[in-house]
Protein backbone atom coordinates (compact mmCIF):
# COMPACT_ATOMS: atom_id res chain seq x y z
CA MET A 1 -39.14 -0.78 4.44
CA ASP A 2 -38.01 -4.41 3.97
CA ARG A 3 -40.44 -5.30 1.23
CA GLU A 4 -40.81 -7.59 -1.75
CA THR A 5 -41.58 -5.75 -4.97
CA SER A 6 -42.43 -7.06 -8.40
CA THR A 7 -38.80 -6.57 -9.35
CA ALA A 8 -36.55 -7.22 -6.36
CA GLN A 9 -36.33 -6.82 -2.64
CA VAL A 10 -35.63 -3.27 -1.46
CA TRP A 11 -34.21 -2.80 2.01
CA ALA A 12 -33.66 0.30 4.05
CA LEU A 13 -30.04 1.21 4.75
CA ARG A 14 -30.36 0.22 8.42
CA GLY A 15 -31.55 -3.27 7.50
CA PHE A 16 -28.62 -3.69 5.09
CA LEU A 17 -26.11 -2.59 7.73
CA ASP A 18 -27.66 -4.92 10.32
CA GLU A 19 -27.33 -7.79 7.86
CA LEU A 20 -23.65 -7.03 7.19
CA GLN A 21 -22.98 -6.98 10.91
CA ARG A 22 -24.89 -10.20 11.51
CA ILE A 23 -23.02 -12.04 8.74
CA ASN A 24 -19.66 -10.65 9.87
CA ASP A 25 -20.29 -11.71 13.48
CA THR A 26 -21.72 -15.18 12.84
CA MET A 27 -20.05 -16.38 9.63
CA GLU A 28 -16.28 -16.12 9.91
CA ASP A 29 -15.83 -17.95 6.60
CA ARG A 30 -17.92 -15.41 4.64
CA ARG A 31 -16.18 -12.53 2.91
CA PHE A 32 -17.56 -9.52 1.08
CA VAL A 33 -16.18 -8.19 -2.21
CA PHE A 34 -16.77 -4.56 -3.16
CA ILE A 35 -17.73 -4.12 -6.82
CA LEU A 36 -17.14 -0.48 -7.67
CA GLY A 37 -18.23 1.61 -10.61
CA ALA A 38 -17.69 5.22 -11.62
CA GLY A 39 -20.10 6.50 -8.97
CA ALA A 40 -17.58 5.52 -6.28
CA SER A 41 -15.04 7.95 -7.75
CA ILE A 42 -17.12 11.11 -8.13
CA GLN A 43 -16.44 12.48 -4.63
CA SER A 44 -12.73 11.96 -5.31
CA GLY A 45 -12.89 14.47 -8.14
CA VAL A 46 -12.94 11.93 -10.96
CA LYS A 47 -15.62 12.66 -13.55
CA GLY A 48 -18.24 9.99 -13.99
CA ALA A 49 -19.53 8.49 -17.21
CA ALA A 50 -22.37 10.99 -17.61
CA PRO A 51 -20.35 14.24 -17.57
CA LEU A 52 -17.60 12.71 -19.72
CA ALA A 53 -20.11 11.44 -22.26
CA ARG A 54 -21.73 14.89 -22.36
CA GLU A 55 -18.34 16.58 -22.88
CA TRP A 56 -17.55 14.23 -25.75
CA MET A 57 -20.95 14.80 -27.33
CA GLN A 58 -20.26 18.53 -27.17
CA MET A 59 -16.96 17.93 -28.95
CA LEU A 60 -18.84 16.05 -31.69
CA PHE A 61 -21.50 18.76 -31.79
CA HIS A 62 -18.87 21.44 -32.39
CA ARG A 63 -17.60 19.49 -35.39
CA VAL A 64 -20.94 19.59 -37.19
CA VAL A 65 -22.84 22.47 -35.61
CA SER A 66 -24.62 25.11 -37.61
CA PRO A 67 -25.25 28.51 -36.02
CA GLU A 68 -28.99 27.96 -35.59
CA THR A 69 -28.66 24.54 -33.92
CA ASP A 70 -29.29 24.02 -30.20
CA PHE A 71 -27.12 21.38 -28.48
CA ASP A 72 -29.89 19.75 -26.43
CA SER A 73 -32.19 19.67 -29.43
CA TRP A 74 -29.40 18.10 -31.46
CA LEU A 75 -28.92 15.44 -28.81
CA LYS A 76 -32.55 14.36 -29.06
CA LEU A 77 -32.09 13.63 -32.78
CA ASN A 78 -29.82 10.63 -32.03
CA PRO A 79 -27.03 12.18 -34.11
CA LEU A 80 -24.76 9.12 -33.78
CA ASP A 81 -27.54 6.70 -34.80
CA ILE A 82 -27.07 4.62 -31.64
CA LYS A 83 -29.57 1.83 -31.04
CA GLY A 84 -31.86 2.51 -28.06
CA TRP A 85 -30.66 6.11 -27.83
CA GLN A 86 -31.69 8.08 -24.73
CA SER A 87 -30.52 11.67 -24.77
CA ASP A 88 -31.17 11.97 -21.03
CA ASN A 89 -29.01 8.92 -20.23
CA LEU A 90 -25.69 9.58 -21.95
CA ALA A 91 -23.86 7.41 -19.41
CA GLY A 92 -25.68 4.41 -20.88
CA HIS A 93 -24.11 5.16 -24.26
CA TYR A 94 -20.65 5.99 -22.93
CA PRO A 95 -18.70 3.34 -24.96
CA GLU A 96 -20.38 4.27 -28.27
CA ILE A 97 -19.83 7.99 -27.67
CA PHE A 98 -16.15 7.42 -26.83
CA ALA A 99 -15.70 5.31 -29.97
CA HIS A 100 -17.29 7.98 -32.21
CA CYS A 101 -15.48 10.91 -30.61
CA PHE A 102 -12.00 9.40 -30.77
CA ALA A 103 -12.30 7.23 -33.88
CA GLY A 104 -8.95 7.25 -35.64
CA ASP A 105 -7.10 8.60 -32.61
CA HIS A 106 -7.69 6.42 -29.56
CA GLU A 107 -4.53 7.81 -27.93
CA ALA A 108 -6.28 11.17 -27.72
CA GLY A 109 -9.17 9.44 -25.99
CA PHE A 110 -6.87 7.79 -23.47
CA ALA A 111 -5.26 11.18 -22.84
CA GLU A 112 -8.71 12.54 -22.00
CA LEU A 113 -9.28 9.68 -19.57
CA GLU A 114 -5.87 10.21 -18.00
CA LYS A 115 -6.63 13.90 -17.49
CA ALA A 116 -9.98 13.07 -15.89
CA ILE A 117 -8.44 10.49 -13.57
CA GLU A 118 -5.37 12.46 -12.51
CA ALA A 119 -7.60 15.30 -11.35
CA GLY A 120 -8.82 13.12 -8.49
CA SER A 121 -7.45 12.03 -5.14
CA PRO A 122 -8.98 9.47 -2.73
CA SER A 123 -11.93 10.86 -0.81
CA PHE A 124 -12.80 9.95 2.77
CA GLY A 125 -14.71 6.85 1.67
CA TYR A 126 -11.52 5.41 0.21
CA ALA A 127 -9.72 5.97 3.51
CA VAL A 128 -12.42 3.86 5.17
CA LEU A 129 -12.17 1.24 2.40
CA ALA A 130 -8.40 1.05 2.94
CA TRP A 131 -8.99 0.38 6.63
CA ILE A 132 -11.53 -2.35 5.82
CA MET A 133 -9.22 -4.02 3.29
CA THR A 134 -6.26 -4.08 5.69
CA LYS A 135 -7.97 -4.67 9.04
CA THR A 136 -10.70 -7.17 8.09
CA SER A 137 -11.02 -10.24 5.86
CA HIS A 138 -13.01 -8.22 3.29
CA ASN A 139 -9.94 -7.35 1.24
CA LEU A 140 -11.06 -7.62 -2.40
CA VAL A 141 -12.29 -4.98 -4.87
CA ILE A 142 -13.52 -5.65 -8.40
CA THR A 143 -13.94 -2.51 -10.47
CA THR A 144 -14.82 -1.32 -13.94
CA ASN A 145 -12.87 1.89 -13.24
CA PHE A 146 -9.46 2.74 -14.66
CA ASP A 147 -8.43 5.00 -11.79
CA ASN A 148 -5.99 4.08 -9.00
CA LEU A 149 -8.04 5.39 -6.08
CA VAL A 150 -8.22 2.02 -4.29
CA ALA A 151 -4.51 1.32 -4.65
CA ASP A 152 -3.55 4.89 -3.72
CA SER A 153 -5.71 4.80 -0.60
CA LEU A 154 -4.12 1.51 0.45
CA TYR A 155 -0.63 3.01 0.04
CA ILE A 156 -1.56 6.21 1.89
CA TYR A 157 -3.96 5.08 4.60
CA GLY A 158 -3.41 1.34 4.86
CA ARG A 159 0.38 1.17 4.47
CA ARG A 160 -0.06 -1.87 2.23
CA SER A 161 0.83 -2.51 -1.38
CA PRO A 162 -2.16 -4.24 -2.97
CA HIS A 163 -1.97 -6.81 -5.72
CA VAL A 164 -3.50 -4.90 -8.64
CA ILE A 165 -4.60 -7.03 -11.59
CA GLY A 166 -5.08 -4.65 -14.49
CA HIS A 167 -5.29 -6.97 -17.47
CA GLU A 168 -7.17 -10.16 -18.33
CA THR A 169 -3.93 -12.02 -19.07
CA LEU A 170 -3.19 -11.75 -15.34
CA ALA A 171 -6.67 -12.77 -14.18
CA GLY A 172 -5.40 -16.19 -13.12
CA TYR A 173 -3.59 -14.46 -10.26
CA LEU A 174 -6.91 -13.38 -8.72
CA LYS A 175 -6.99 -15.89 -5.90
CA PRO A 176 -9.79 -16.33 -3.35
CA LEU A 177 -9.00 -15.81 0.33
CA ALA A 178 -5.73 -14.01 -0.40
CA ARG A 179 -3.81 -12.51 2.50
CA ARG A 180 -2.90 -9.35 0.60
CA PRO A 181 -5.53 -6.79 -0.52
CA MET A 182 -6.41 -7.33 -4.18
CA VAL A 183 -7.86 -5.02 -6.84
CA ALA A 184 -9.21 -6.54 -10.06
CA LYS A 185 -9.70 -4.08 -12.94
CA ILE A 186 -11.92 -5.96 -15.34
CA HIS A 187 -11.77 -3.24 -18.01
CA ARG A 188 -7.99 -3.04 -17.61
CA ASP A 189 -5.80 -0.34 -16.15
CA LEU A 190 -5.51 3.10 -17.74
CA PHE A 191 -1.96 2.30 -18.85
CA THR A 192 -2.64 -1.15 -20.33
CA ASP A 193 -4.89 -0.28 -23.27
CA PRO A 194 -8.13 0.24 -21.29
CA ILE A 195 -11.31 -1.27 -22.66
CA ASN A 196 -13.60 1.62 -23.52
CA ASP A 197 -15.34 0.67 -26.77
CA PRO A 198 -18.71 -1.05 -27.35
CA ASP A 199 -17.19 -4.40 -28.31
CA GLY A 200 -14.84 -4.52 -25.33
CA THR A 201 -17.40 -3.40 -22.75
CA GLY A 202 -20.04 -5.67 -24.23
CA GLN A 203 -18.34 -8.97 -23.45
CA LEU A 204 -16.23 -9.93 -20.44
CA LYS A 205 -12.93 -11.49 -21.39
CA LYS A 206 -12.82 -15.26 -20.85
CA PRO A 207 -9.97 -15.20 -18.28
CA TRP A 208 -12.04 -12.83 -16.14
CA GLU A 209 -15.09 -15.07 -16.40
CA ASP A 210 -13.12 -18.02 -15.04
CA ALA A 211 -11.50 -15.97 -12.27
CA LEU A 212 -14.72 -14.27 -11.13
CA LYS A 213 -16.66 -17.54 -11.06
CA ASN A 214 -14.07 -18.80 -8.61
CA ILE A 215 -14.23 -15.60 -6.54
CA PHE A 216 -18.01 -15.59 -6.18
CA LYS A 217 -17.90 -19.07 -4.66
CA PHE A 218 -16.33 -17.47 -1.59
CA TYR A 219 -17.39 -13.81 -1.65
CA THR A 220 -20.71 -12.01 -1.36
CA PRO A 221 -20.77 -9.00 -3.73
CA ILE A 222 -21.63 -5.48 -2.60
CA PHE A 223 -22.17 -3.21 -5.62
CA ILE A 224 -21.48 0.48 -5.05
CA GLY A 225 -21.46 3.27 -7.61
CA TYR A 226 -21.98 0.85 -10.50
CA GLY A 227 -24.72 1.72 -13.00
CA GLY A 228 -24.72 -1.58 -14.86
CA ASN A 229 -24.38 0.22 -18.19
CA ASP A 230 -21.73 -2.06 -19.67
CA GLY A 231 -22.76 -5.42 -21.00
CA SER A 232 -19.63 -7.28 -19.96
CA LEU A 233 -20.08 -7.65 -16.21
CA MET A 234 -23.88 -7.51 -16.39
CA ASN A 235 -24.08 -10.31 -18.96
CA PHE A 236 -21.63 -12.40 -16.96
CA LEU A 237 -23.66 -11.95 -13.77
CA SER A 238 -26.91 -12.70 -15.60
CA ASP A 239 -25.49 -15.97 -16.89
CA LEU A 240 -24.55 -17.15 -13.40
CA SER A 241 -26.81 -19.41 -11.42
CA PRO A 242 -27.87 -18.20 -7.94
CA ARG A 243 -25.87 -21.17 -6.63
CA ASP A 244 -22.72 -19.62 -8.13
CA ILE A 245 -22.73 -16.71 -5.67
CA SER A 246 -21.95 -17.04 -1.98
CA GLY A 247 -24.88 -15.47 -0.14
CA ARG A 248 -27.23 -12.86 -1.58
CA PRO A 249 -25.77 -9.92 -3.53
CA PHE A 250 -26.37 -6.36 -2.32
CA TRP A 251 -26.79 -3.55 -4.85
CA CYS A 252 -26.34 -0.09 -3.30
CA TYR A 253 -27.65 2.78 -5.39
CA TYR A 254 -27.46 6.51 -4.74
CA GLU A 255 -30.92 7.37 -3.43
CA PRO A 256 -31.14 10.97 -4.80
CA GLY A 257 -30.39 9.60 -8.29
CA GLY A 258 -33.46 7.36 -8.29
CA GLN A 259 -33.87 3.61 -8.58
CA PRO A 260 -31.53 1.66 -10.87
CA ASN A 261 -32.57 0.40 -14.28
CA GLY A 262 -34.72 -2.64 -14.89
CA ASP A 263 -31.78 -4.85 -15.83
CA ILE A 264 -30.32 -4.40 -12.36
CA ALA A 265 -33.64 -5.12 -10.67
CA ALA A 266 -34.04 -8.27 -12.79
CA LEU A 267 -30.50 -9.37 -11.92
CA MET A 268 -31.16 -8.96 -8.19
CA LEU A 269 -34.45 -10.82 -8.52
CA LYS A 270 -32.72 -13.75 -10.21
CA HIS A 271 -30.00 -13.98 -7.55
CA ASN A 272 -32.28 -13.30 -4.54
CA GLY A 273 -30.41 -10.04 -4.17
CA VAL A 274 -31.34 -6.80 -2.48
CA LEU A 275 -31.51 -3.19 -3.67
CA ILE A 276 -30.48 -0.60 -1.07
CA PRO A 277 -31.02 3.16 -1.46
CA THR A 278 -27.98 4.80 0.12
CA PRO A 279 -26.37 8.18 0.74
CA ASP A 280 -23.21 9.17 -1.13
CA TRP A 281 -20.03 7.06 -1.27
CA ASP A 282 -18.24 8.69 1.66
CA GLN A 283 -21.21 8.40 4.03
CA LEU A 284 -21.99 4.84 2.99
CA MET A 285 -18.42 3.66 3.51
CA LEU A 286 -18.33 5.33 6.92
CA ASP A 287 -21.50 3.44 7.89
CA ILE A 288 -20.01 0.13 6.74
CA GLY A 289 -16.63 0.83 8.35
CA ASN A 290 -18.22 1.73 11.68
CA LEU A 291 -19.89 -1.69 11.76
CA TRP A 292 -16.50 -3.37 11.83
CA GLY A 293 -14.67 -1.06 14.21
CA TYR A 294 -13.43 1.82 12.05
CA LYS A 295 -12.51 4.96 14.03
CA HIS A 296 -11.31 8.00 12.13
CA ASP A 297 -9.32 9.29 15.14
CA ASP A 298 -7.28 6.08 15.23
CA GLN A 299 -6.65 6.23 11.49
CA LEU A 300 -5.51 9.85 11.75
CA LYS A 301 -3.13 8.94 14.56
CA ASP A 302 -1.74 6.07 12.49
CA LEU A 303 -1.32 8.41 9.52
CA ASP A 304 0.50 10.98 11.67
CA ARG A 305 2.76 8.28 13.02
CA TYR A 306 3.45 6.84 9.59
CA THR A 307 4.18 10.27 8.11
CA GLU A 308 6.54 11.02 10.97
CA GLU A 309 8.26 7.65 10.50
CA LEU A 310 8.77 8.35 6.79
CA LYS A 311 10.21 11.76 7.58
CA GLN A 312 12.40 10.32 10.33
CA THR A 313 13.67 7.56 8.04
CA LEU A 314 14.60 10.06 5.34
CA GLN A 315 16.36 12.30 7.89
CA GLU A 316 18.33 9.32 9.22
CA GLN A 317 19.32 8.27 5.71
CA VAL A 318 20.52 11.80 4.95
CA MET A 319 22.57 11.79 8.17
CA ASN A 320 24.03 8.34 7.47
CA THR A 321 25.00 9.39 3.94
CA SER A 322 26.70 12.51 5.30
CA ARG A 323 28.44 10.64 8.09
CA GLU A 324 29.73 7.85 5.85
CA GLY A 325 30.48 9.96 2.77
CA GLY A 326 33.56 11.93 1.87
CA GLU A 327 34.02 15.68 2.01
CA ASP A 328 32.29 16.11 -1.35
CA ILE A 329 29.14 14.32 -0.11
CA LYS A 330 29.13 16.28 3.13
CA ALA A 331 29.40 19.55 1.19
CA LYS A 332 26.48 18.60 -1.08
CA LEU A 333 24.25 17.79 1.90
CA LEU A 334 25.27 20.84 3.91
CA PRO A 335 22.19 23.08 4.19
CA LYS A 336 22.25 26.51 2.64
CA HIS A 337 22.82 29.37 5.03
CA LYS A 338 19.76 29.92 7.21
CA LYS A 339 18.91 32.10 10.12
CA GLU A 340 19.16 30.18 13.38
CA GLN A 341 15.41 30.31 13.97
CA ASP A 342 14.78 28.75 10.54
CA LYS A 343 17.01 25.72 11.03
CA SER A 344 15.67 22.21 11.57
CA TRP A 345 17.40 19.71 13.84
CA LEU A 346 18.71 18.00 10.68
CA ASP A 347 20.32 21.26 9.54
CA TRP A 348 22.14 21.52 12.87
CA ALA A 349 23.30 17.89 12.72
CA LEU A 350 24.57 18.20 9.12
CA GLU A 351 26.48 21.34 10.07
CA ALA A 352 28.02 19.50 13.01
CA GLU A 353 29.17 16.68 10.72
CA ASN A 354 30.97 19.24 8.56
CA LYS A 355 33.00 20.73 11.39
CA PRO A 356 36.76 20.11 10.98
CA ASN A 357 37.43 18.46 14.35
CA LEU A 358 35.75 16.60 17.18
CA GLU A 359 35.80 19.54 19.59
CA GLN A 360 33.87 21.75 17.16
CA LYS A 361 31.46 18.95 16.29
CA LEU A 362 30.63 18.37 19.96
CA ALA A 363 30.20 22.08 20.57
CA HIS A 364 27.87 22.44 17.59
CA TYR A 365 25.76 19.49 18.75
CA GLN A 366 25.50 21.08 22.20
CA SER A 367 24.21 24.28 20.62
CA ALA A 368 21.78 22.20 18.58
CA ILE A 369 20.48 20.45 21.71
CA LYS A 370 19.79 23.84 23.27
CA ALA A 371 17.85 24.87 20.14
CA PHE A 372 15.98 21.52 19.85
CA PRO A 373 15.95 19.88 23.29
CA ASP A 374 12.93 17.72 22.40
CA SER A 375 14.25 16.28 19.12
CA PRO A 376 14.76 12.49 19.42
CA GLY A 377 16.63 12.46 16.11
CA LEU A 378 19.13 15.03 17.34
CA HIS A 379 19.77 13.19 20.61
CA ASN A 380 20.23 9.92 18.69
CA ASN A 381 22.77 11.36 16.26
CA TYR A 382 24.65 13.19 18.99
CA ALA A 383 24.85 9.87 20.86
CA ILE A 384 26.29 8.17 17.76
CA LEU A 385 29.11 10.73 17.63
CA LEU A 386 29.75 10.36 21.36
CA LYS A 387 29.89 6.55 21.16
CA GLU A 388 32.25 6.64 18.17
CA ASN A 389 34.61 8.68 20.33
CA GLU A 390 34.38 6.42 23.41
CA LYS A 391 32.24 8.86 25.43
CA LEU A 392 29.95 6.02 26.41
CA LYS A 393 28.24 7.44 29.49
CA GLU A 394 27.31 10.63 27.64
CA ALA A 395 26.15 8.60 24.65
CA GLU A 396 23.93 6.48 26.88
CA ALA A 397 22.40 9.60 28.39
CA HIS A 398 21.41 10.91 24.96
CA TYR A 399 20.09 7.56 23.74
CA THR A 400 17.86 7.36 26.79
CA GLU A 401 16.82 10.97 26.20
CA ALA A 402 15.91 10.16 22.58
CA LEU A 403 13.77 7.25 23.78
CA ALA A 404 12.18 9.38 26.47
CA LYS A 405 11.09 11.82 23.75
CA ASP A 406 9.92 9.02 21.45
CA PRO A 407 9.45 5.62 23.17
CA GLU A 408 8.87 3.94 19.79
CA TYR A 409 12.01 5.27 18.08
CA THR A 410 13.38 1.96 16.82
CA THR A 411 16.61 3.39 15.38
CA ALA A 412 17.58 4.76 18.79
CA MET A 413 16.69 1.41 20.37
CA PHE A 414 18.92 -0.38 17.88
CA ASN A 415 21.84 2.00 18.46
CA TYR A 416 21.41 1.89 22.22
CA ALA A 417 21.34 -1.92 22.15
CA ILE A 418 24.69 -1.92 20.32
CA LEU A 419 26.17 0.35 22.99
CA LEU A 420 24.80 -1.82 25.80
CA GLU A 421 26.12 -4.98 24.18
CA SER A 422 29.59 -3.49 23.75
CA SER A 423 29.50 -2.49 27.42
CA GLY A 424 28.71 -6.05 28.49
CA GLU A 425 25.06 -5.38 29.40
CA VAL A 426 23.85 -8.23 27.22
CA ASP A 427 20.46 -8.84 28.87
CA LYS A 428 19.54 -5.17 28.62
CA ALA A 429 20.72 -5.05 24.99
CA GLU A 430 18.58 -8.07 24.17
CA ALA A 431 15.52 -6.38 25.67
CA TYR A 432 15.99 -3.38 23.35
CA TYR A 433 16.49 -5.57 20.27
CA LYS A 434 13.28 -7.42 21.13
CA ARG A 435 11.37 -4.18 21.67
CA ALA A 436 12.59 -2.79 18.35
CA LEU A 437 11.37 -5.92 16.56
CA GLU A 438 8.01 -5.76 18.34
CA LEU A 439 7.54 -2.28 16.92
CA ASP A 440 8.93 -3.07 13.49
CA ALA A 441 8.81 -6.74 12.53
CA GLN A 442 10.81 -5.99 9.36
CA ASP A 443 13.74 -4.27 11.05
CA THR A 444 16.50 -6.36 9.50
CA ASP A 445 19.29 -4.39 11.23
CA SER A 446 17.92 -5.37 14.63
CA MET A 447 17.41 -8.96 13.47
CA ASN A 448 20.99 -9.18 12.27
CA ASN A 449 22.62 -7.61 15.33
CA TYR A 450 20.41 -9.58 17.70
CA ALA A 451 21.41 -12.76 15.85
CA CYS A 452 25.10 -11.84 16.36
CA LEU A 453 24.45 -11.46 20.08
CA LEU A 454 22.74 -14.86 20.18
CA ILE A 455 25.63 -16.49 18.29
CA ASP A 456 28.07 -15.07 20.84
CA GLN A 457 25.92 -16.61 23.58
CA LYS A 458 25.85 -19.99 21.76
CA ARG A 459 22.04 -19.72 21.37
CA LEU A 460 22.28 -20.97 17.82
CA VAL A 461 18.69 -22.18 17.31
CA ASP A 462 17.30 -18.74 18.19
CA ALA A 463 19.91 -17.05 16.00
CA GLU A 464 19.00 -19.30 13.08
CA ALA A 465 15.30 -18.38 13.35
CA LEU A 466 16.13 -14.67 13.30
CA LEU A 467 18.47 -14.97 10.34
CA HIS A 468 15.89 -16.98 8.41
CA ARG A 469 13.47 -14.03 8.77
CA ALA A 470 16.14 -11.52 7.83
CA LEU A 471 17.24 -13.46 4.74
CA GLN A 472 13.65 -13.76 3.55
CA LEU A 473 13.42 -9.95 3.61
CA LEU A 474 16.93 -9.16 2.30
CA PRO A 475 18.46 -12.29 0.73
CA ASN A 476 21.45 -10.43 -0.76
CA ASP A 477 22.37 -8.16 2.14
CA LEU A 478 26.10 -8.56 2.81
CA ALA A 479 25.91 -7.96 6.56
CA ILE A 480 23.17 -10.57 6.98
CA LEU A 481 25.01 -13.04 4.76
CA GLU A 482 28.18 -12.55 6.81
CA THR A 483 26.27 -13.23 10.04
CA HIS A 484 24.75 -16.29 8.40
CA ALA A 485 28.26 -17.53 7.60
CA GLU A 486 29.21 -16.94 11.25
CA LEU A 487 26.23 -19.01 12.36
CA LEU A 488 27.10 -21.87 10.02
CA PHE A 489 30.69 -21.72 11.24
CA ALA A 490 29.48 -21.90 14.85
CA GLN A 491 27.34 -24.90 13.89
CA GLU A 492 30.49 -26.51 12.41
CA LYS A 493 28.92 -26.50 8.93
CA HIS A 494 32.23 -25.33 7.53
CA HIS A 495 31.73 -25.95 3.82
CA GLU A 496 28.32 -24.25 3.85
CA ALA A 497 29.83 -21.33 5.77
CA LEU A 498 32.61 -21.06 3.19
CA GLN A 499 30.13 -20.88 0.32
CA VAL A 500 28.21 -18.06 2.01
CA ILE A 501 31.27 -15.99 2.94
CA GLU A 502 32.61 -16.37 -0.59
CA GLN A 503 29.35 -14.80 -1.83
CA VAL A 504 30.10 -11.79 0.37
CA LEU A 505 33.70 -11.48 -0.79
CA GLU A 506 32.70 -11.80 -4.42
CA VAL A 507 30.69 -8.60 -4.05
CA GLU A 508 33.06 -6.81 -1.66
CA PRO A 509 36.56 -8.38 -1.84
CA THR A 510 38.11 -5.88 0.62
CA ARG A 511 35.59 -6.43 3.42
CA LYS A 512 37.96 -7.02 6.35
CA SER A 513 35.58 -8.84 8.72
CA ALA A 514 34.54 -11.20 5.91
CA LYS A 515 38.17 -11.85 4.96
CA ASP A 516 39.02 -12.68 8.58
CA LEU A 517 36.06 -15.05 8.85
CA ASN A 518 36.99 -16.65 5.52
CA THR A 519 40.49 -17.34 6.88
CA GLN A 520 39.06 -18.93 10.04
CA ILE A 521 36.71 -21.16 8.07
CA ILE A 522 39.45 -22.35 5.70
CA GLN A 523 41.69 -23.09 8.65
CA ALA A 524 38.91 -25.10 10.32
CA ILE A 525 38.34 -27.11 7.14
CA GLU A 526 42.07 -27.82 6.83
CA ASP A 527 42.29 -28.87 10.48
CA THR A 528 39.36 -31.24 10.08
CA GLU A 529 40.84 -32.81 6.95
CA SER A 530 44.21 -33.17 8.71
CA GLU A 531 42.58 -34.99 11.63
CA LEU A 532 40.86 -37.37 9.23
CA GLU A 533 44.18 -38.25 7.61
């Protein structure tokens, strides 16, 4: 189908996909930017411009209707006196219709938009887009939409927080070649006074013009679901020189909806671009994702794992709060009475924590293990209780059982490493700290405890590197600061160590380990000064 028409080149979908693959494989410095319009949101349950414009015209019709009037006949009369009116293309008049319908009460209009947007949730195509934006270099979206489908999909499926730029005053933060996924909302975000009127959609704000000119020097645009009905982005693109865009732009249009308007064809002709008739959003994104290695089975496994990790983290936090809290906290977290078959492992563990003595706690945990023998969380928490009460061999058995049930259970690895270190098995402890950090590079507890181990072994350079990472993630964490003070003390940087430990004591004056270290540091400073005298 690859043909030259009087308007612009039109390629078959296969040719477009082949070109994306060729560029991706041979031009590592070339990135694609996805430019999304309302058509990319329809399969997510968000109404597009056409149905919304029709609804608003019906609202206007009901304000002036006479019993003998027919709505469609009324539409053909150009009742709003809009220049270039086309009653069969209401999407093209969306800004004017919005302005007429909600004149005098724009808040009501924004409420309508909010209702339309909140009805949606990311469709499959957004799951694929999230994978692309987190697993490849093609990590930028520019959109005229107000919805949060891209950001939501990145949170849910990509486990990344994107940099969302929802207002022109922030456009300067839209940087080319960014490491983090970025979403630029050129008509603003729904909650920052979205641009929805003819004046606003007719002219792109100057900060966006400057930012997008910079972006297109590095990115090849792929337009999807964008009808080109607003003047802002279309006028901006028309004013660009073909030399201002990296590569040739690709304009994907929904094939069953027919070819795009003449302005789009003219734009593609000017920029040596290509029109591509495509299937719907979800199918198109799957085709693009498959080019670059997307596999839905892998994403589903990642999602299962992530969901389980979130659940596990919450369960552990509940247990820690119960274990460290007073009787009032324990009572609040104690599950309501349930039949034994309805209990979760967490219910059993919370009940055990509320038992009045160690003997009853151990007995309850043993009953829990019989009920949930395959629960890594239960084995881990039982091991914590056993270790606290010097039953180290039994604790080790349950830590190893927890890790047998879940080999990537980093909390159990961390706890087991502490036990091994206290038992003198330093090399084995270090291996578990390292494994925990391989699985979770942001595990500051493992970083901190591993750094303590390294300080004890006089491996101060390695300890310093670990603490630097930990402090970047949690600069005000008292435990990490205290370890940092220990490191500085070991490096004989006594005054620096004193400053750090004083930070800790300022927040928690009764912290015994910090007070002891503070005393040692002061004594070392005094001894040094005495020697100098």
